[in-house]
Amino acid sequence: MKKIYMNQFLFASALTGCFLLASCDKEQEFTTGMPEQQLINSIELKVTAKLPLAVGMDTTIVYNVVPESAANKEVLWSSSNEKVAAVSQNGTVTALAEGEAVITVKPIIGFGVSNVTEKAIAVSVIPEIIEVTDIQFTNKDDEGNPLTALYPGDEQELAYTLLPENHTYSYLTWESSDESVATVTENGTVTAIAPGSVVIYAYTHDGSNYRGEFPLAVNEIVDAEDIAITEELPVLHIYQTAKLKCTFVPETAVANSVNWESSDEGVVTVKNGMVTAVGFGEATVTGTCRSTGNKASTTVKVATGWWVWDAACSFEGWGMGTKGASSEITEDRMIVTTALQSSGALRADLTLDTKGTKVVMDIANYPVIALHTNLPDISKQGYTLDLVASNGTKGESKLNKGKTLSDGTKLLIYNVKSLNKFAEGEVTFTTFQIKIADMTSAELPSGRYEMYWIRTFASEEEAVQFAEDQITANK
């Protein structure tokens, strides 16, 4: 009975996410004579990249094949270490002994091995499951007080901390006590609908049956008759969000009673006075009172080449450049699970999607790219930055073992200007990769490393100072 019970809550925990996979561009190169649309283009896994199990537990991984019309939907499951975790051909993983294993699935018929049709899940078999005992919600209002109220039209992703810190499963499902007042999405984003009171519930799925509660009031909107934007925003970095400082007549009016628009939504978007930088350049943001037509405007600038990737933007565009490696975004970091190479070394390269995102660096003003991580000291030469510009220019391989910071973490710093390959000014890149390779199991016993942020800076000194300031602020 215990095993069946474990299956139930682990099946729920397996619904932690879904990798939405693109179709292969060159499917016909691997066909077996069948019509192209009848072959499996991709496999969608509904499971976290890292799956912890206790010894003796099992769980079935849920998956879909694309397209649904595939003539042969059979897939082949395998385990890199069957002494640790075995997998059946229906996707049921059984934890046998403490350790690490990689579960792989690929089509029996189709394109063979590729990063589209072969998917991997890192399984960590641990002695026991540590259950969540508390969920602490941490959202603040504009005055820095605990968030207790929203207005119709507001959206707010709930921030929280799960305790104890060493809990096993972080997966939550969400529910609203009254969806006519506020709704909540599967990732905990609340949308206020109408005035009233509501409780947002967060359910754990680790067998503890613990439920977190977030009480919320949705207040009635008072229409603004006049508006003034009292302060210009500082220059923003890409993906940054900032709230416009406004005053209204009457004073009880709120930004939700104003129609907001951006002159260029390729640079910034705006909703309820909240601006989000989505591209480089300038745009004019205007708020217009619905009841009177009175308006106010301000210019918002997004600095070209000022990149910031972190958990707040889900490390937008970054993915794995190593087959079998995987990553998971948590509240404040990216956790990367490495892949074991035939040489016995561990590897998990980070690759920026330069097709989905136009990657431009301003070599004159933001020539330094830095990564805050907990990567270990390695006996090999270091971690490599590989760049190729849109004109075909290749940067010299830049090895870096990292600078150790005051808390023992590492800062990898690459001065792109010093590569002496790229002209000063704006450079668009078609290849942007950081090779994280040649680590031994002794150097990285867990097989995982963490990435806290990736950012561009004006200088190496600025990068170090920023990292140390953050460490001090978080103590």
Protein backbone atom coordinates (compact mmCIF):
# COMPACT_ATOMS: atom_id res chain seq x y z
CA MET A 1 0.00 0.00 0.00
CA LYS A 2 2.85 2.35 0.77
CA LYS A 3 4.23 1.97 -2.72
CA ILE A 4 0.87 2.74 -4.29
CA TYR A 5 0.53 5.83 -2.11
CA MET A 6 3.99 7.01 -3.09
CA ASN A 7 3.04 6.55 -6.72
CA GLN A 8 0.06 8.82 -6.27
CA PHE A 9 1.89 11.81 -4.92
CA LEU A 10 4.94 11.32 -7.10
CA PHE A 11 2.71 11.18 -10.16
CA ALA A 12 1.39 14.58 -9.09
CA SER A 13 4.92 15.83 -8.55
CA ALA A 14 5.81 14.71 -12.04
CA LEU A 15 3.51 17.41 -13.40
CA THR A 16 6.01 20.08 -12.49
CA GLY A 17 6.53 21.39 -15.93
CA CYS A 18 6.53 20.67 -19.60
CA PHE A 19 9.34 21.14 -22.06
CA LEU A 20 7.70 22.67 -25.15
CA LEU A 21 9.88 21.35 -27.89
CA ALA A 22 10.35 22.67 -31.40
CA SER A 23 10.09 20.41 -34.42
CA CYS A 24 13.27 19.36 -36.15
CA ASP A 25 14.07 21.42 -39.23
CA LYS A 26 15.68 18.54 -41.11
CA GLU A 27 13.41 15.63 -40.38
CA GLN A 28 13.60 14.26 -43.91
CA GLU A 29 17.31 13.59 -43.51
CA PHE A 30 16.52 10.84 -41.01
CA THR A 31 13.34 9.37 -42.47
CA THR A 32 12.76 5.71 -43.08
CA GLY A 33 10.59 6.16 -46.15
CA MET A 34 7.45 6.99 -44.17
CA PRO A 35 5.58 10.27 -44.84
CA GLU A 36 7.26 13.05 -42.88
CA GLN A 37 4.18 13.99 -40.86
CA GLN A 38 3.82 10.41 -39.59
CA LEU A 39 7.15 10.37 -37.77
CA ILE A 40 7.69 11.60 -34.21
CA ASN A 41 9.02 15.16 -34.34
CA SER A 42 9.42 15.63 -30.60
CA ILE A 43 8.66 14.17 -27.20
CA GLU A 44 7.11 16.37 -24.53
CA LEU A 45 7.92 15.34 -20.95
CA LYS A 46 5.70 16.40 -18.08
CA VAL A 47 8.35 16.14 -15.39
CA THR A 48 11.01 18.27 -13.76
CA ALA A 49 14.51 18.12 -15.21
CA LYS A 50 15.65 16.75 -11.84
CA LEU A 51 13.50 14.04 -10.26
CA PRO A 52 14.26 12.97 -6.66
CA LEU A 53 13.03 9.58 -5.45
CA ALA A 54 13.50 7.70 -2.21
CA VAL A 55 14.81 4.15 -2.27
CA GLY A 56 11.94 1.75 -2.98
CA MET A 57 9.72 4.34 -4.62
CA ASP A 58 8.56 4.38 -8.21
CA THR A 59 6.78 6.84 -10.46
CA THR A 60 5.50 6.89 -14.01
CA ILE A 61 6.71 9.73 -16.22
CA VAL A 62 3.94 11.30 -18.27
CA TYR A 63 4.81 12.21 -21.85
CA ASN A 64 3.29 13.10 -25.22
CA VAL A 65 4.62 12.55 -28.73
CA VAL A 66 4.27 15.16 -31.46
CA PRO A 67 2.49 14.94 -33.81
CA GLU A 68 -0.39 12.92 -32.42
CA SER A 69 -0.81 11.44 -35.91
CA ALA A 70 2.59 9.72 -35.77
CA ALA A 71 2.24 6.28 -37.34
CA ASN A 72 4.40 4.67 -34.68
CA LYS A 73 4.23 6.27 -31.24
CA GLU A 74 6.48 3.73 -29.54
CA VAL A 75 9.39 5.11 -27.56
CA LEU A 76 12.41 3.47 -26.01
CA TRP A 77 13.29 4.10 -22.36
CA SER A 78 16.73 3.48 -20.86
CA SER A 79 18.68 4.16 -17.67
CA SER A 80 22.33 5.14 -17.44
CA ASN A 81 22.63 3.24 -14.15
CA GLU A 82 20.14 0.42 -13.61
CA LYS A 83 21.63 -0.36 -10.21
CA VAL A 84 20.39 3.04 -9.01
CA ALA A 85 17.19 3.51 -11.02
CA ALA A 86 15.52 1.17 -13.48
CA VAL A 87 12.91 2.18 -16.03
CA SER A 88 10.25 0.06 -17.72
CA GLN A 89 9.08 0.56 -21.28
CA ASN A 90 5.95 2.34 -20.05
CA GLY A 91 8.09 5.03 -18.40
CA THR A 92 7.87 3.77 -14.81
CA VAL A 93 11.06 4.60 -12.90
CA THR A 94 11.94 2.47 -9.87
CA ALA A 95 14.48 3.74 -7.32
CA LEU A 96 16.74 0.87 -6.25
CA ALA A 97 19.75 2.37 -4.48
CA GLU A 98 21.11 5.77 -3.52
CA GLY A 99 22.88 7.57 -6.32
CA GLU A 100 22.35 9.32 -9.63
CA ALA A 101 21.00 8.06 -12.94
CA VAL A 102 19.85 9.60 -16.20
CA ILE A 103 16.62 8.29 -17.70
CA THR A 104 16.47 8.71 -21.48
CA VAL A 105 13.55 8.38 -23.89
CA LYS A 106 13.64 8.44 -27.70
CA PRO A 107 11.48 7.20 -30.60
CA ILE A 108 11.94 3.60 -31.69
CA ILE A 109 11.45 4.80 -35.27
CA GLY A 110 12.38 8.26 -36.47
CA PHE A 111 15.40 10.48 -36.35
CA GLY A 112 17.64 8.57 -34.01
CA VAL A 113 19.61 10.58 -31.49
CA SER A 114 19.00 14.34 -31.51
CA ASN A 115 18.40 17.08 -28.99
CA VAL A 116 14.78 17.24 -30.20
CA THR A 117 13.69 13.62 -30.22
CA GLU A 118 15.83 12.29 -27.36
CA LYS A 119 15.03 13.63 -23.90
CA ALA A 120 16.67 13.00 -20.55
CA ILE A 121 15.59 13.23 -16.90
CA ALA A 122 18.16 13.25 -14.12
CA VAL A 123 17.02 10.97 -11.28
CA SER A 124 18.49 11.38 -7.81
CA VAL A 125 17.78 8.49 -5.44
CA ILE A 126 17.92 9.66 -1.84
CA PRO A 127 17.46 7.96 1.55
CA GLU A 128 14.15 9.63 2.40
CA ILE A 129 11.68 12.30 1.38
CA ILE A 130 11.85 15.49 3.47
CA GLU A 131 8.36 16.97 3.61
CA VAL A 132 7.37 20.63 3.48
CA THR A 133 6.19 21.94 6.86
CA ASP A 134 5.56 25.60 6.03
CA ILE A 135 4.98 27.95 3.09
CA GLN A 136 5.90 31.57 3.79
CA PHE A 137 4.59 34.13 1.30
CA THR A 138 6.95 37.06 0.79
CA ASN A 139 5.26 39.54 -1.59
CA LYS A 140 5.40 43.22 -0.58
CA ASP A 141 3.27 46.22 -1.56
CA ASP A 142 4.65 49.56 -2.79
CA GLU A 143 5.39 50.65 0.78
CA GLY A 144 7.32 47.48 1.57
CA ASN A 145 4.60 45.97 3.73
CA PRO A 146 3.24 42.43 3.27
CA LEU A 147 0.93 42.34 0.26
CA THR A 148 -2.71 42.04 1.33
CA ALA A 149 -4.70 43.72 -1.46
CA LEU A 150 -4.93 44.10 -5.23
CA TYR A 151 -7.23 45.93 -7.62
CA PRO A 152 -9.27 44.43 -10.45
CA GLY A 153 -6.93 43.85 -13.39
CA ASP A 154 -3.81 43.46 -11.25
CA GLU A 155 -1.61 40.44 -11.82
CA GLN A 156 0.79 39.25 -9.15
CA GLU A 157 3.01 36.18 -9.15
CA LEU A 158 3.16 34.94 -5.58
CA ALA A 159 6.64 34.69 -4.09
CA TYR A 160 7.19 32.19 -1.32
CA THR A 161 9.69 30.17 0.65
CA LEU A 162 9.24 26.48 1.39
CA LEU A 163 10.48 25.20 4.74
CA PRO A 164 12.56 23.40 5.73
CA GLU A 165 15.19 24.56 3.26
CA ASN A 166 16.26 20.98 2.52
CA HIS A 167 12.76 19.85 1.51
CA THR A 168 12.65 17.35 -1.34
CA TYR A 169 9.80 18.47 -3.58
CA SER A 170 9.11 22.10 -4.47
CA TYR A 171 6.13 21.43 -6.72
CA LEU A 172 2.88 23.16 -5.76
CA THR A 173 -0.60 23.30 -7.24
CA TRP A 174 -2.80 26.33 -6.78
CA GLU A 175 -6.47 27.04 -6.16
CA SER A 176 -8.65 30.09 -5.54
CA SER A 177 -11.44 30.00 -2.98
CA ASP A 178 -13.52 32.27 -5.23
CA GLU A 179 -12.64 32.63 -8.91
CA SER A 180 -15.18 35.43 -9.31
CA VAL A 181 -12.88 37.54 -7.10
CA ALA A 182 -9.43 36.29 -8.17
CA THR A 183 -8.00 33.47 -10.25
CA VAL A 184 -4.62 31.78 -9.98
CA THR A 185 -2.54 30.03 -12.65
CA GLU A 186 -0.53 26.83 -12.37
CA ASN A 187 2.61 28.86 -11.57
CA GLY A 188 0.97 30.89 -8.78
CA THR A 189 0.16 34.10 -10.68
CA VAL A 190 -2.95 35.74 -9.23
CA THR A 191 -5.28 37.89 -11.35
CA ALA A 192 -7.69 40.12 -9.46
CA ILE A 193 -11.15 40.03 -11.08
CA ALA A 194 -13.67 41.89 -8.91
CA PRO A 195 -13.92 43.47 -5.43
CA GLY A 196 -14.17 40.98 -2.60
CA SER A 197 -12.17 38.67 -0.35
CA VAL A 198 -10.46 35.49 -1.45
CA VAL A 199 -7.94 32.93 -0.23
CA ILE A 200 -5.32 31.51 -2.58
CA TYR A 201 -4.34 27.97 -1.61
CA ALA A 202 -0.97 26.34 -2.36
CA TYR A 203 -0.96 22.54 -2.12
CA THR A 204 2.13 20.40 -1.61
CA HIS A 205 2.51 16.98 -3.23
CA ASP A 206 5.11 15.26 -1.09
CA GLY A 207 2.75 13.26 1.09
CA SER A 208 2.66 15.86 3.87
CA ASN A 209 -0.82 17.15 2.92
CA TYR A 210 0.39 20.61 3.90
CA ARG A 211 -1.55 23.53 2.41
CA GLY A 212 -0.40 27.15 2.37
CA GLU A 213 -2.96 29.98 2.50
CA PHE A 214 -2.65 33.50 1.10
CA PRO A 215 -5.63 35.71 2.09
CA LEU A 216 -6.23 38.58 -0.29
CA ALA A 217 -8.62 41.53 -0.61
CA VAL A 218 -9.54 42.89 -4.03
CA ASN A 219 -10.40 46.56 -3.60
CA GLU A 220 -12.76 48.62 -5.72
CA ILE A 221 -11.17 50.89 -8.31
CA VAL A 222 -11.58 54.66 -7.97
CA ASP A 223 -11.35 56.30 -11.41
CA ALA A 224 -8.61 58.87 -11.97
CA GLU A 225 -9.69 62.27 -13.26
CA ASP A 226 -6.14 63.52 -13.71
CA ILE A 227 -2.66 61.96 -13.75
CA ALA A 228 0.93 63.14 -13.43
CA ILE A 229 4.05 61.00 -13.84
CA THR A 230 6.25 62.48 -11.14
CA GLU A 231 9.61 60.91 -11.88
CA GLU A 232 11.38 59.54 -14.94
CA LEU A 233 12.54 55.95 -14.76
CA PRO A 234 16.29 55.30 -14.76
CA VAL A 235 17.74 53.55 -17.80
CA LEU A 236 16.55 49.93 -17.76
CA HIS A 237 18.31 46.69 -18.61
CA ILE A 238 16.70 44.05 -20.77
CA TYR A 239 13.88 42.11 -19.03
CA GLN A 240 13.75 44.63 -16.17
CA THR A 241 10.38 45.68 -14.77
CA ALA A 242 9.75 49.02 -13.08
CA LYS A 243 6.69 50.78 -11.69
CA LEU A 244 6.01 54.33 -12.83
CA LYS A 245 5.70 56.87 -10.02
CA CYS A 246 2.41 58.69 -10.50
CA THR A 247 0.00 60.95 -8.65
CA PHE A 248 -3.72 60.97 -9.32
CA VAL A 249 -6.75 63.15 -8.74
CA PRO A 250 -8.45 62.09 -6.54
CA GLU A 251 -5.62 60.68 -4.42
CA THR A 252 -7.50 57.41 -3.91
CA ALA A 253 -7.44 56.67 -7.65
CA VAL A 254 -5.09 53.95 -8.89
CA ALA A 255 -3.10 53.14 -12.03
CA ASN A 256 -5.66 50.48 -13.00
CA SER A 257 -8.18 53.22 -13.81
CA VAL A 258 -5.87 54.56 -16.53
CA ASN A 259 -5.38 53.27 -20.08
CA TRP A 260 -1.68 52.66 -20.70
CA GLU A 261 0.15 52.38 -23.99
CA SER A 262 3.71 52.18 -25.30
CA SER A 263 4.84 53.82 -28.53
CA ASP A 264 7.01 50.76 -29.24
CA GLU A 265 6.07 47.44 -27.68
CA GLY A 266 9.23 45.95 -29.14
CA VAL A 267 11.13 48.03 -26.59
CA VAL A 268 8.83 48.25 -23.57
CA THR A 269 5.39 47.02 -22.66
CA VAL A 270 3.21 48.60 -19.98
CA LYS A 271 0.28 47.41 -17.88
CA ASN A 272 -1.28 49.24 -14.95
CA GLY A 273 1.74 51.52 -14.74
CA MET A 274 4.23 48.64 -14.68
CA VAL A 275 6.84 48.84 -17.44
CA THR A 276 8.75 45.83 -18.78
CA ALA A 277 11.84 46.14 -20.99
CA VAL A 278 11.65 43.64 -23.86
CA GLY A 279 14.12 45.18 -26.32
CA PHE A 280 16.78 47.86 -26.69
CA GLY A 281 15.96 51.49 -27.53
CA GLU A 282 13.49 54.16 -26.43
CA ALA A 283 9.72 54.29 -26.19
CA THR A 284 7.14 56.75 -24.92
CA VAL A 285 4.73 55.44 -22.29
CA THR A 286 1.42 57.27 -21.96
CA GLY A 287 -1.32 56.99 -19.37
CA THR A 288 -4.80 58.32 -20.24
CA CYS A 289 -7.59 58.78 -17.68
CA ARG A 290 -10.63 56.89 -18.89
CA SER A 291 -13.13 59.27 -17.33
CA THR A 292 -11.67 62.58 -18.55
CA GLY A 293 -9.10 61.89 -21.26
CA ASN A 294 -6.37 63.70 -19.32
CA LYS A 295 -2.98 62.12 -19.94
CA ALA A 296 0.68 62.06 -18.99
CA SER A 297 3.70 60.65 -20.82
CA THR A 298 7.31 59.73 -20.13
CA THR A 299 10.23 58.39 -22.16
CA VAL A 300 11.66 55.02 -21.15
CA LYS A 301 15.16 54.00 -22.25
CA VAL A 302 16.56 50.46 -22.40
CA ALA A 303 20.36 50.44 -22.69
CA THR A 304 21.66 48.53 -25.69
CA GLY A 305 23.82 45.60 -24.64
CA TRP A 306 22.88 45.73 -20.94
CA TRP A 307 21.83 42.12 -20.45
CA VAL A 308 20.63 40.58 -17.20
CA TRP A 309 19.57 36.96 -17.04
CA ASP A 310 18.40 35.52 -13.75
CA ALA A 311 15.49 33.64 -12.19
CA ALA A 312 13.26 36.72 -12.49
CA CYS A 313 13.30 36.33 -16.29
CA SER A 314 13.72 32.52 -16.09
CA PHE A 315 17.17 32.90 -17.69
CA GLU A 316 15.39 33.80 -20.92
CA GLY A 317 16.94 32.10 -23.94
CA TRP A 318 19.53 30.01 -22.07
CA GLY A 319 19.49 26.26 -22.43
CA MET A 320 21.68 23.19 -22.43
CA GLY A 321 24.33 22.70 -25.09
CA THR A 322 25.23 19.21 -23.90
CA LYS A 323 23.19 16.10 -24.62
CA GLY A 324 21.87 14.53 -21.42
CA ALA A 325 22.35 17.69 -19.32
CA SER A 326 19.31 19.46 -17.90
CA SER A 327 18.36 22.57 -15.95
CA GLU A 328 15.65 23.74 -13.58
CA ILE A 329 14.79 27.32 -12.59
CA THR A 330 13.99 27.82 -8.91
CA GLU A 331 13.06 30.96 -7.00
CA ASP A 332 16.52 32.54 -7.25
CA ARG A 333 18.77 30.39 -9.42
CA MET A 334 19.22 27.91 -12.23
CA ILE A 335 20.20 24.41 -11.11
CA VAL A 336 22.08 22.49 -13.80
CA THR A 337 22.49 18.73 -13.85
CA THR A 338 25.57 17.66 -15.79
CA ALA A 339 25.91 14.75 -18.20
CA LEU A 340 28.53 12.03 -17.82
CA GLN A 341 30.81 11.91 -20.87
CA SER A 342 32.47 8.81 -22.32
CA SER A 343 35.77 10.13 -20.93
CA GLY A 344 34.32 9.99 -17.42
CA ALA A 345 34.20 13.79 -17.14
CA LEU A 346 31.07 15.79 -16.30
CA ARG A 347 29.77 18.41 -18.72
CA ALA A 348 26.82 20.81 -19.09
CA ASP A 349 27.43 23.67 -21.52
CA LEU A 350 25.21 26.75 -21.42
CA THR A 351 23.97 27.96 -24.81
CA LEU A 352 22.06 31.15 -25.59
CA ASP A 353 19.34 30.83 -28.22
CA THR A 354 20.49 33.33 -30.84
CA LYS A 355 17.70 32.37 -33.24
CA GLY A 356 14.82 33.12 -30.92
CA THR A 357 16.53 36.19 -29.43
CA LYS A 358 18.62 38.82 -31.21
CA VAL A 359 21.76 38.84 -29.09
CA VAL A 360 23.50 42.21 -29.35
CA MET A 361 26.44 43.30 -27.21
CA ASP A 362 27.67 46.87 -26.99
CA ILE A 363 31.41 46.24 -26.93
CA ALA A 364 32.16 49.90 -26.16
CA ASN A 365 29.87 50.28 -23.14
CA TYR A 366 29.14 46.75 -21.85
CA PRO A 367 32.11 44.61 -22.95
CA VAL A 368 32.21 42.30 -19.91
CA ILE A 369 30.00 39.27 -19.38
CA ALA A 370 30.03 37.72 -15.90
CA LEU A 371 28.42 34.62 -14.41
CA HIS A 372 27.81 34.17 -10.68
CA THR A 373 27.94 30.45 -9.92
CA ASN A 374 29.09 27.79 -7.49
CA LEU A 375 31.17 25.90 -10.07
CA PRO A 376 34.18 24.17 -8.52
CA ASP A 377 37.88 24.69 -9.02
CA ILE A 378 38.91 22.32 -11.78
CA SER A 379 42.26 20.78 -12.65
CA LYS A 380 41.79 21.54 -16.34
CA GLN A 381 42.40 24.93 -17.94
CA GLY A 382 39.01 26.45 -17.20
CA TYR A 383 35.57 27.22 -18.56
CA THR A 384 35.41 28.54 -22.13
CA LEU A 385 33.40 31.36 -23.72
CA ASP A 386 32.72 30.75 -27.43
CA LEU A 387 31.40 33.60 -29.58
CA VAL A 388 30.66 33.93 -33.28
CA ALA A 389 29.42 37.24 -34.70
CA SER A 390 26.80 37.51 -37.44
CA ASN A 391 29.55 38.44 -39.94
CA GLY A 392 31.33 35.17 -39.21
CA THR A 393 34.02 36.59 -36.95
CA LYS A 394 35.01 34.13 -34.23
CA GLY A 395 36.26 35.20 -30.85
CA GLU A 396 39.34 33.62 -29.38
CA SER A 397 38.56 30.87 -26.88
CA LYS A 398 38.64 32.56 -23.49
CA LEU A 399 39.40 30.21 -20.61
CA ASN A 400 38.40 31.19 -17.09
CA LYS A 401 38.65 29.38 -13.78
CA GLY A 402 36.72 32.11 -12.01
CA LYS A 403 37.36 34.54 -9.19
CA THR A 404 36.47 33.27 -5.72
CA LEU A 405 34.12 35.67 -3.93
CA SER A 406 33.85 36.35 -0.20
CA ASP A 407 31.16 33.69 0.31
CA GLY A 408 33.11 31.00 -1.54
CA THR A 409 31.10 31.19 -4.76
CA LYS A 410 32.68 31.91 -8.13
CA LEU A 411 32.48 34.77 -10.60
CA LEU A 412 33.42 33.85 -14.16
CA ILE A 413 34.41 37.04 -15.99
CA TYR A 414 34.96 37.36 -19.73
CA ASN A 415 36.07 40.65 -21.27
CA VAL A 416 34.81 40.36 -24.84
CA LYS A 417 36.66 43.52 -25.83
CA SER A 418 39.97 41.88 -24.90
CA LEU A 419 39.40 39.12 -27.45
CA ASN A 420 40.58 41.67 -30.03
CA LYS A 421 38.30 40.20 -32.66
CA PHE A 422 35.19 42.36 -32.59
CA ALA A 423 34.82 45.99 -33.59
CA GLU A 424 33.82 48.42 -30.86
CA GLY A 425 30.14 49.26 -30.90
CA GLU A 426 27.15 46.99 -31.36
CA VAL A 427 27.87 43.39 -32.38
CA THR A 428 25.22 40.76 -33.09
CA PHE A 429 26.15 37.18 -32.23
CA THR A 430 24.96 33.95 -33.82
CA THR A 431 26.84 31.72 -31.38
CA PHE A 432 26.98 32.48 -27.67
CA GLN A 433 28.06 29.51 -25.58
CA ILE A 434 29.85 28.86 -22.31
CA LYS A 435 31.51 25.46 -22.21
CA ILE A 436 31.26 23.98 -18.72
CA ALA A 437 33.29 20.83 -19.16
CA ASP A 438 36.11 18.60 -17.91
CA MET A 439 34.85 18.39 -14.33
CA THR A 440 35.58 15.19 -12.43
CA SER A 441 33.14 13.49 -10.07
CA ALA A 442 35.53 14.33 -7.24
CA GLU A 443 35.39 18.02 -8.16
CA LEU A 444 31.58 18.02 -8.52
CA PRO A 445 30.30 15.12 -6.37
CA SER A 446 26.62 16.06 -6.73
CA GLY A 447 26.87 16.25 -10.51
CA ARG A 448 25.06 19.60 -10.33
CA TYR A 449 26.04 23.25 -10.29
CA GLU A 450 24.09 26.45 -9.70
CA MET A 451 23.93 29.65 -11.75
CA TYR A 452 22.68 32.73 -9.87
CA TRP A 453 22.86 35.27 -12.69
CA ILE A 454 24.50 36.12 -16.00
CA ARG A 455 25.00 39.84 -16.70
CA THR A 456 26.96 42.31 -18.81
CA PHE A 457 29.02 45.08 -17.20
CA ALA A 458 31.06 48.13 -18.16
CA SER A 459 34.19 46.69 -16.52
CA GLU A 460 35.53 43.69 -14.65
CA GLU A 461 35.80 45.79 -11.49
CA GLU A 462 32.12 46.70 -11.73
CA ALA A 463 31.20 43.02 -12.05
CA VAL A 464 33.15 42.04 -8.93
CA GLN A 465 31.75 44.95 -6.92
CA PHE A 466 28.19 44.14 -7.93
CA ALA A 467 28.61 40.49 -6.93
CA GLU A 468 30.13 41.37 -3.55
CA ASP A 469 27.43 43.98 -2.88
CA GLN A 470 24.77 41.34 -3.51
CA ILE A 471 26.49 38.90 -1.19
CA THR A 472 26.60 41.54 1.56
CA ALA A 473 22.95 42.48 1.03
CA ASN A 474 21.83 38.85 1.29
CA LYS A 475 23.67 38.13 4.55
